[in-house]
C-alpha cells in the first residue's frame, strides 16, 4: 500500500509540470446592470456568445497571428448578480500566448468597434501573441475556443457531472470494500 501511495504522489508531482492551453477568469455581473428588454433585438456585433436558455455556451473564434490587437467578444443574455467562468482554450499545435484578458461594460447608446446598441453590453477581451520558435507566419489563422459557464454555489455548472461521477465511484469502491477485503488482496 505504501508503494502505491508513493507512486501516486510522484505521479501527481509530475502532473504539476504539465501546462494546459487554457486560461480562465471569473466575471460577476453587477446588481446594477440594466436588464435587457424582452423585445430588444440582439446587437449586431460580429463575435458574440449568447447564454439564452442555457448555463454554458462555447464558440470557436478564429484570429490571425501577427496582428497585435485586442480581440473582443460580446456576452449576451447574462443574468444579473450571477458569476460566470470565462475559459479561453487553444490547441498545442498552435503555440500562442493569451494575455490581457479582462471584461468591461459598454454603456447604452455608446458606439464600440463600429456598433451601437440601446442596451448596455458586456464584452470580454484578450490578446493572442505568437509564442513559437521559429515564429509562425504572419496571417496564420489560429482557432481559439471561448466558453462562458454559469457558476452556481461557486462551482461552474459543467463540473457538476464530474462531481457526480466521482461520488458514484467513491460510493462503489466503499460498497465493494465492505464486501471484499481489498487491503488484504493488495498486500498479497
C-alpha atoms as a PDB file:
ATOM      1  CA  UNK A   1       0.000   0.000   0.000  1.00  0.00           C
ATOM      2  CA  UNK A   2       2.869   2.402   0.794  1.00  0.00           C
ATOM      3  CA  UNK A   3       4.438   1.607  -2.600  1.00  0.00           C
ATOM      4  CA  UNK A   4       1.169   2.594  -4.311  1.00  0.00           C
ATOM      5  CA  UNK A   5       0.894   5.815  -2.287  1.00  0.00           C
ATOM      6  CA  UNK A   6       4.494   6.764  -3.167  1.00  0.00           C
ATOM      7  CA  UNK A   7       3.866   6.191  -6.870  1.00  0.00           C
ATOM      8  CA  UNK A   8       0.672   8.239  -6.686  1.00  0.00           C
ATOM      9  CA  UNK A   9       2.481  11.163  -5.036  1.00  0.00           C
ATOM     10  CA  UNK A  10       5.214  11.055  -7.693  1.00  0.00           C
ATOM     11  CA  UNK A  11       2.608  10.962 -10.469  1.00  0.00           C
ATOM     12  CA  UNK A  12       0.763  13.954  -9.006  1.00  0.00           C
ATOM     13  CA  UNK A  13       4.044  15.832  -8.626  1.00  0.00           C
ATOM     14  CA  UNK A  14       4.898  15.177 -12.289  1.00  0.00           C
ATOM     15  CA  UNK A  15       1.422  16.330 -13.308  1.00  0.00           C
ATOM     16  CA  UNK A  16       2.239  19.802 -11.993  1.00  0.00           C
ATOM     17  CA  UNK A  17       4.708  20.183 -14.876  1.00  0.00           C
ATOM     18  CA  UNK A  18       2.007  19.730 -17.491  1.00  0.00           C
ATOM     19  CA  UNK A  19       0.837  23.098 -18.741  1.00  0.00           C
ATOM     20  CA  UNK A  20      -2.651  23.190 -20.169  1.00  0.00           C
ATOM     21  CA  UNK A  21      -3.519  25.513 -23.011  1.00  0.00           C
ATOM     22  CA  UNK A  22      -6.346  27.101 -21.081  1.00  0.00           C
ATOM     23  CA  UNK A  23      -6.694  30.478 -19.465  1.00  0.00           C
ATOM     24  CA  UNK A  24      -9.719  31.385 -17.402  1.00  0.00           C
ATOM     25  CA  UNK A  25     -11.126  34.144 -15.265  1.00  0.00           C
ATOM     26  CA  UNK A  26     -14.357  34.914 -13.457  1.00  0.00           C
ATOM     27  CA  UNK A  27     -16.886  37.619 -14.206  1.00  0.00           C
ATOM     28  CA  UNK A  28     -19.638  38.757 -11.862  1.00  0.00           C
ATOM     29  CA  UNK A  29     -22.474  40.716 -13.443  1.00  0.00           C
ATOM     30  CA  UNK A  30     -23.196  43.717 -11.196  1.00  0.00           C
ATOM     31  CA  UNK A  31     -26.575  44.047  -9.470  1.00  0.00           C
ATOM     32  CA  UNK A  32     -26.962  47.458 -11.086  1.00  0.00           C
ATOM     33  CA  UNK A  33     -26.514  46.115 -14.619  1.00  0.00           C
ATOM     34  CA  UNK A  34     -29.645  47.055 -16.604  1.00  0.00           C
ATOM     35  CA  UNK A  35     -31.773  44.117 -17.694  1.00  0.00           C
ATOM     36  CA  UNK A  36     -32.431  43.902 -21.422  1.00  0.00           C
ATOM     37  CA  UNK A  37     -35.961  44.445 -22.584  1.00  0.00           C
ATOM     38  CA  UNK A  38     -37.547  41.239 -23.879  1.00  0.00           C
ATOM     39  CA  UNK A  39     -38.444  42.652 -27.281  1.00  0.00           C
ATOM     40  CA  UNK A  40     -34.987  44.191 -27.803  1.00  0.00           C
ATOM     41  CA  UNK A  41     -33.041  42.712 -30.719  1.00  0.00           C
ATOM     42  CA  UNK A  42     -29.593  41.239 -30.168  1.00  0.00           C
ATOM     43  CA  UNK A  43     -26.757  43.556 -31.110  1.00  0.00           C
ATOM     44  CA  UNK A  44     -25.021  43.207 -34.437  1.00  0.00           C
ATOM     45  CA  UNK A  45     -21.510  42.794 -33.018  1.00  0.00           C
ATOM     46  CA  UNK A  46     -19.694  40.197 -35.134  1.00  0.00           C
ATOM     47  CA  UNK A  47     -18.385  37.996 -32.289  1.00  0.00           C
ATOM     48  CA  UNK A  48     -20.847  37.120 -29.566  1.00  0.00           C
ATOM     49  CA  UNK A  49     -21.754  34.359 -27.149  1.00  0.00           C
ATOM     50  CA  UNK A  50     -25.358  34.012 -26.042  1.00  0.00           C
ATOM     51  CA  UNK A  51     -26.481  32.214 -22.900  1.00  0.00           C
ATOM     52  CA  UNK A  52     -30.153  32.459 -23.787  1.00  0.00           C
ATOM     53  CA  UNK A  53     -31.923  29.455 -22.163  1.00  0.00           C
ATOM     54  CA  UNK A  54     -28.543  27.911 -21.275  1.00  0.00           C
ATOM     55  CA  UNK A  55     -25.981  27.764 -18.462  1.00  0.00           C
ATOM     56  CA  UNK A  56     -22.963  27.452 -20.733  1.00  0.00           C
ATOM     57  CA  UNK A  57     -22.010  28.242 -24.298  1.00  0.00           C
ATOM     58  CA  UNK A  58     -18.924  27.929 -26.481  1.00  0.00           C
ATOM     59  CA  UNK A  59     -17.747  29.423 -29.749  1.00  0.00           C
ATOM     60  CA  UNK A  60     -14.669  28.824 -31.853  1.00  0.00           C
ATOM     61  CA  UNK A  61     -13.098  32.164 -32.622  1.00  0.00           C
ATOM     62  CA  UNK A  62     -10.510  32.391 -35.389  1.00  0.00           C
ATOM     63  CA  UNK A  63      -7.787  35.014 -35.189  1.00  0.00           C
ATOM     64  CA  UNK A  64      -4.760  35.822 -37.302  1.00  0.00           C
ATOM     65  CA  UNK A  65      -1.220  35.700 -35.976  1.00  0.00           C
ATOM     66  CA  UNK A  66       0.892  38.789 -36.463  1.00  0.00           C
ATOM     67  CA  UNK A  67      -1.768  41.375 -35.816  1.00  0.00           C
ATOM     68  CA  UNK A  68      -1.209  42.704 -32.315  1.00  0.00           C
ATOM     69  CA  UNK A  69      -4.674  43.780 -31.359  1.00  0.00           C
ATOM     70  CA  UNK A  70      -7.218  43.012 -28.722  1.00  0.00           C
ATOM     71  CA  UNK A  71      -9.968  40.556 -29.608  1.00  0.00           C
ATOM     72  CA  UNK A  72     -13.467  41.396 -28.337  1.00  0.00           C
ATOM     73  CA  UNK A  73     -16.454  39.090 -27.810  1.00  0.00           C
ATOM     74  CA  UNK A  74     -19.843  40.297 -26.631  1.00  0.00           C
ATOM     75  CA  UNK A  75     -21.611  38.269 -23.939  1.00  0.00           C
ATOM     76  CA  UNK A  76     -25.380  38.236 -24.280  1.00  0.00           C
ATOM     77  CA  UNK A  77     -28.254  37.130 -22.045  1.00  0.00           C
ATOM     78  CA  UNK A  78     -26.260  37.047 -18.805  1.00  0.00           C
ATOM     79  CA  UNK A  79     -28.197  37.112 -15.541  1.00  0.00           C
ATOM     80  CA  UNK A  80     -27.798  39.999 -13.126  1.00  0.00           C
ATOM     81  CA  UNK A  81     -25.857  39.214  -9.917  1.00  0.00           C
ATOM     82  CA  UNK A  82     -24.530  35.906 -11.297  1.00  0.00           C
ATOM     83  CA  UNK A  83     -20.933  34.705 -11.619  1.00  0.00           C
ATOM     84  CA  UNK A  84     -19.558  33.256 -14.844  1.00  0.00           C
ATOM     85  CA  UNK A  85     -16.314  31.482 -15.665  1.00  0.00           C
ATOM     86  CA  UNK A  86     -14.731  32.540 -18.953  1.00  0.00           C
ATOM     87  CA  UNK A  87     -12.406  29.870 -20.426  1.00  0.00           C
ATOM     88  CA  UNK A  88     -10.135  30.546 -23.379  1.00  0.00           C
ATOM     89  CA  UNK A  89      -8.582  27.366 -24.842  1.00  0.00           C
ATOM     90  CA  UNK A  90      -6.355  26.631 -27.815  1.00  0.00           C
ATOM     91  CA  UNK A  91      -4.571  23.672 -29.361  1.00  0.00           C
ATOM     92  CA  UNK A  92      -0.973  22.799 -28.551  1.00  0.00           C
ATOM     93  CA  UNK A  93      -0.433  22.621 -32.314  1.00  0.00           C
ATOM     94  CA  UNK A  94      -0.749  26.406 -32.344  1.00  0.00           C
ATOM     95  CA  UNK A  95       1.851  27.722 -29.880  1.00  0.00           C
ATOM     96  CA  UNK A  96       0.357  31.070 -28.964  1.00  0.00           C
ATOM     97  CA  UNK A  97       0.021  33.018 -25.749  1.00  0.00           C
ATOM     98  CA  UNK A  98      -3.186  34.553 -24.474  1.00  0.00           C
ATOM     99  CA  UNK A  99      -2.893  37.694 -22.414  1.00  0.00           C
ATOM    100  CA  UNK A 100      -4.560  40.970 -21.493  1.00  0.00           C
ATOM    101  CA  UNK A 101      -7.742  39.109 -20.501  1.00  0.00           C
ATOM    102  CA  UNK A 102     -10.437  41.264 -18.982  1.00  0.00           C
ATOM    103  CA  UNK A 103     -14.099  42.185 -19.190  1.00  0.00           C
ATOM    104  CA  UNK A 104     -15.846  45.523 -19.348  1.00  0.00           C
ATOM    105  CA  UNK A 105     -19.246  47.144 -19.779  1.00  0.00           C
ATOM    106  CA  UNK A 106     -20.109  49.409 -22.707  1.00  0.00           C
ATOM    107  CA  UNK A 107     -22.877  51.827 -21.604  1.00  0.00           C
ATOM    108  CA  UNK A 108     -26.133  52.055 -23.550  1.00  0.00           C
ATOM    109  CA  UNK A 109     -26.211  54.156 -26.732  1.00  0.00           C
ATOM    110  CA  UNK A 110     -22.405  54.144 -26.879  1.00  0.00           C
ATOM    111  CA  UNK A 111     -20.503  53.272 -30.043  1.00  0.00           C
ATOM    112  CA  UNK A 112     -17.978  50.440 -29.735  1.00  0.00           C
ATOM    113  CA  UNK A 113     -15.983  48.912 -32.594  1.00  0.00           C
ATOM    114  CA  UNK A 114     -18.425  50.347 -35.114  1.00  0.00           C
ATOM    115  CA  UNK A 115     -21.578  49.046 -33.394  1.00  0.00           C
ATOM    116  CA  UNK A 116     -24.096  50.779 -31.179  1.00  0.00           C
ATOM    117  CA  UNK A 117     -26.887  49.399 -29.008  1.00  0.00           C
ATOM    118  CA  UNK A 118     -29.696  50.873 -26.965  1.00  0.00           C
ATOM    119  CA  UNK A 119     -28.753  48.496 -24.135  1.00  0.00           C
ATOM    120  CA  UNK A 120     -25.609  48.284 -22.034  1.00  0.00           C
ATOM    121  CA  UNK A 121     -23.349  45.467 -23.208  1.00  0.00           C
ATOM    122  CA  UNK A 122     -20.726  43.244 -21.585  1.00  0.00           C
ATOM    123  CA  UNK A 123     -17.569  42.364 -23.519  1.00  0.00           C
ATOM    124  CA  UNK A 124     -14.561  40.181 -22.844  1.00  0.00           C
ATOM    125  CA  UNK A 125     -11.195  40.994 -24.333  1.00  0.00           C
ATOM    126  CA  UNK A 126      -7.952  39.109 -24.864  1.00  0.00           C
ATOM    127  CA  UNK A 127      -4.826  39.362 -26.992  1.00  0.00           C
ATOM    128  CA  UNK A 128      -3.261  36.484 -28.939  1.00  0.00           C
ATOM    129  CA  UNK A 129       0.508  36.666 -29.474  1.00  0.00           C
ATOM    130  CA  UNK A 130       2.896  34.386 -31.314  1.00  0.00           C
ATOM    131  CA  UNK A 131       4.855  32.213 -28.895  1.00  0.00           C
ATOM    132  CA  UNK A 132       6.664  29.704 -31.077  1.00  0.00           C
ATOM    133  CA  UNK A 133      10.153  29.102 -32.355  1.00  0.00           C
ATOM    134  CA  UNK A 134      10.528  29.528 -35.226  1.00  0.00           C
ATOM    135  CA  UNK A 135       7.791  32.141 -35.346  1.00  0.00           C
ATOM    136  CA  UNK A 136       4.595  31.205 -37.136  1.00  0.00           C
ATOM    137  CA  UNK A 137       3.942  33.063 -40.373  1.00  0.00           C
ATOM    138  CA  UNK A 138       2.008  36.300 -40.098  1.00  0.00           C
ATOM    139  CA  UNK A 139      -1.563  35.753 -41.217  1.00  0.00           C
ATOM    140  CA  UNK A 140      -1.765  32.167 -39.918  1.00  0.00           C
ATOM    141  CA  UNK A 141      -5.293  31.570 -38.657  1.00  0.00           C
ATOM    142  CA  UNK A 142      -5.480  30.081 -35.168  1.00  0.00           C
ATOM    143  CA  UNK A 143      -8.748  28.696 -33.735  1.00  0.00           C
ATOM    144  CA  UNK A 144      -9.451  29.754 -30.147  1.00  0.00           C
ATOM    145  CA  UNK A 145     -12.302  28.174 -28.155  1.00  0.00           C
ATOM    146  CA  UNK A 146     -14.060  30.605 -25.833  1.00  0.00           C
ATOM    147  CA  UNK A 147     -16.531  29.237 -23.269  1.00  0.00           C
ATOM    148  CA  UNK A 148     -18.825  31.030 -20.846  1.00  0.00           C
ATOM    149  CA  UNK A 149     -20.071  28.896 -17.949  1.00  0.00           C
ATOM    150  CA  UNK A 150     -22.513  29.916 -15.224  1.00  0.00           C
ATOM    151  CA  UNK A 151     -21.349  29.248 -11.658  1.00  0.00           C
ATOM    152  CA  UNK A 152     -23.832  28.003  -9.068  1.00  0.00           C
ATOM    153  CA  UNK A 153     -22.749  27.553  -5.443  1.00  0.00           C
ATOM    154  CA  UNK A 154     -19.301  28.765  -6.511  1.00  0.00           C
ATOM    155  CA  UNK A 155     -18.800  25.828  -8.886  1.00  0.00           C
ATOM    156  CA  UNK A 156     -19.032  26.055 -12.696  1.00  0.00           C
ATOM    157  CA  UNK A 157     -22.053  24.023 -13.812  1.00  0.00           C
ATOM    158  CA  UNK A 158     -20.014  21.988 -16.309  1.00  0.00           C
ATOM    159  CA  UNK A 159     -18.162  20.405 -13.351  1.00  0.00           C
ATOM    160  CA  UNK A 160     -21.327  19.067 -11.712  1.00  0.00           C
ATOM    161  CA  UNK A 161     -21.315  15.897 -13.806  1.00  0.00           C
ATOM    162  CA  UNK A 162     -17.668  15.262 -12.841  1.00  0.00           C
ATOM    163  CA  UNK A 163     -18.557  15.671  -9.161  1.00  0.00           C
ATOM    164  CA  UNK A 164     -21.446  13.208  -9.529  1.00  0.00           C
ATOM    165  CA  UNK A 165     -19.148  10.738 -11.341  1.00  0.00           C
ATOM    166  CA  UNK A 166     -16.527  10.950  -8.573  1.00  0.00           C
ATOM    167  CA  UNK A 167     -19.214  10.472  -5.903  1.00  0.00           C
ATOM    168  CA  UNK A 168     -20.534   7.366  -7.698  1.00  0.00           C
ATOM    169  CA  UNK A 169     -17.018   5.897  -7.966  1.00  0.00           C
ATOM    170  CA  UNK A 170     -16.322   6.584  -4.277  1.00  0.00           C
ATOM    171  CA  UNK A 171     -19.629   5.020  -3.230  1.00  0.00           C
ATOM    172  CA  UNK A 172     -18.955   1.980  -5.440  1.00  0.00           C
ATOM    173  CA  UNK A 173     -15.462   1.473  -4.019  1.00  0.00           C
ATOM    174  CA  UNK A 174     -16.822   1.876  -0.481  1.00  0.00           C
ATOM    175  CA  UNK A 175     -19.554  -0.685  -1.157  1.00  0.00           C
ATOM    176  CA  UNK A 176     -17.148  -3.180  -2.745  1.00  0.00           C
ATOM    177  CA  UNK A 177     -14.586  -2.744   0.045  1.00  0.00           C
ATOM    178  CA  UNK A 178     -17.271  -3.655   2.614  1.00  0.00           C
ATOM    179  CA  UNK A 179     -17.988  -6.894   0.738  1.00  0.00           C
ATOM    180  CA  UNK A 180     -14.416  -7.772  -0.272  1.00  0.00           C
ATOM    181  CA  UNK A 181     -11.238  -7.207   1.740  1.00  0.00           C
ATOM    182  CA  UNK A 182      -9.378  -5.048  -0.801  1.00  0.00           C
ATOM    183  CA  UNK A 183      -6.488  -4.269   1.564  1.00  0.00           C
ATOM    184  CA  UNK A 184      -5.864  -7.968   2.108  1.00  0.00           C
ATOM    185  CA  UNK A 185      -5.859  -8.583  -1.654  1.00  0.00           C
ATOM    186  CA  UNK A 186      -3.363  -5.762  -2.257  1.00  0.00           C
ATOM    187  CA  UNK A 187      -0.958  -6.972   0.454  1.00  0.00           C
ATOM    188  CA  UNK A 188      -0.715 -10.451  -1.058  1.00  0.00           C
END
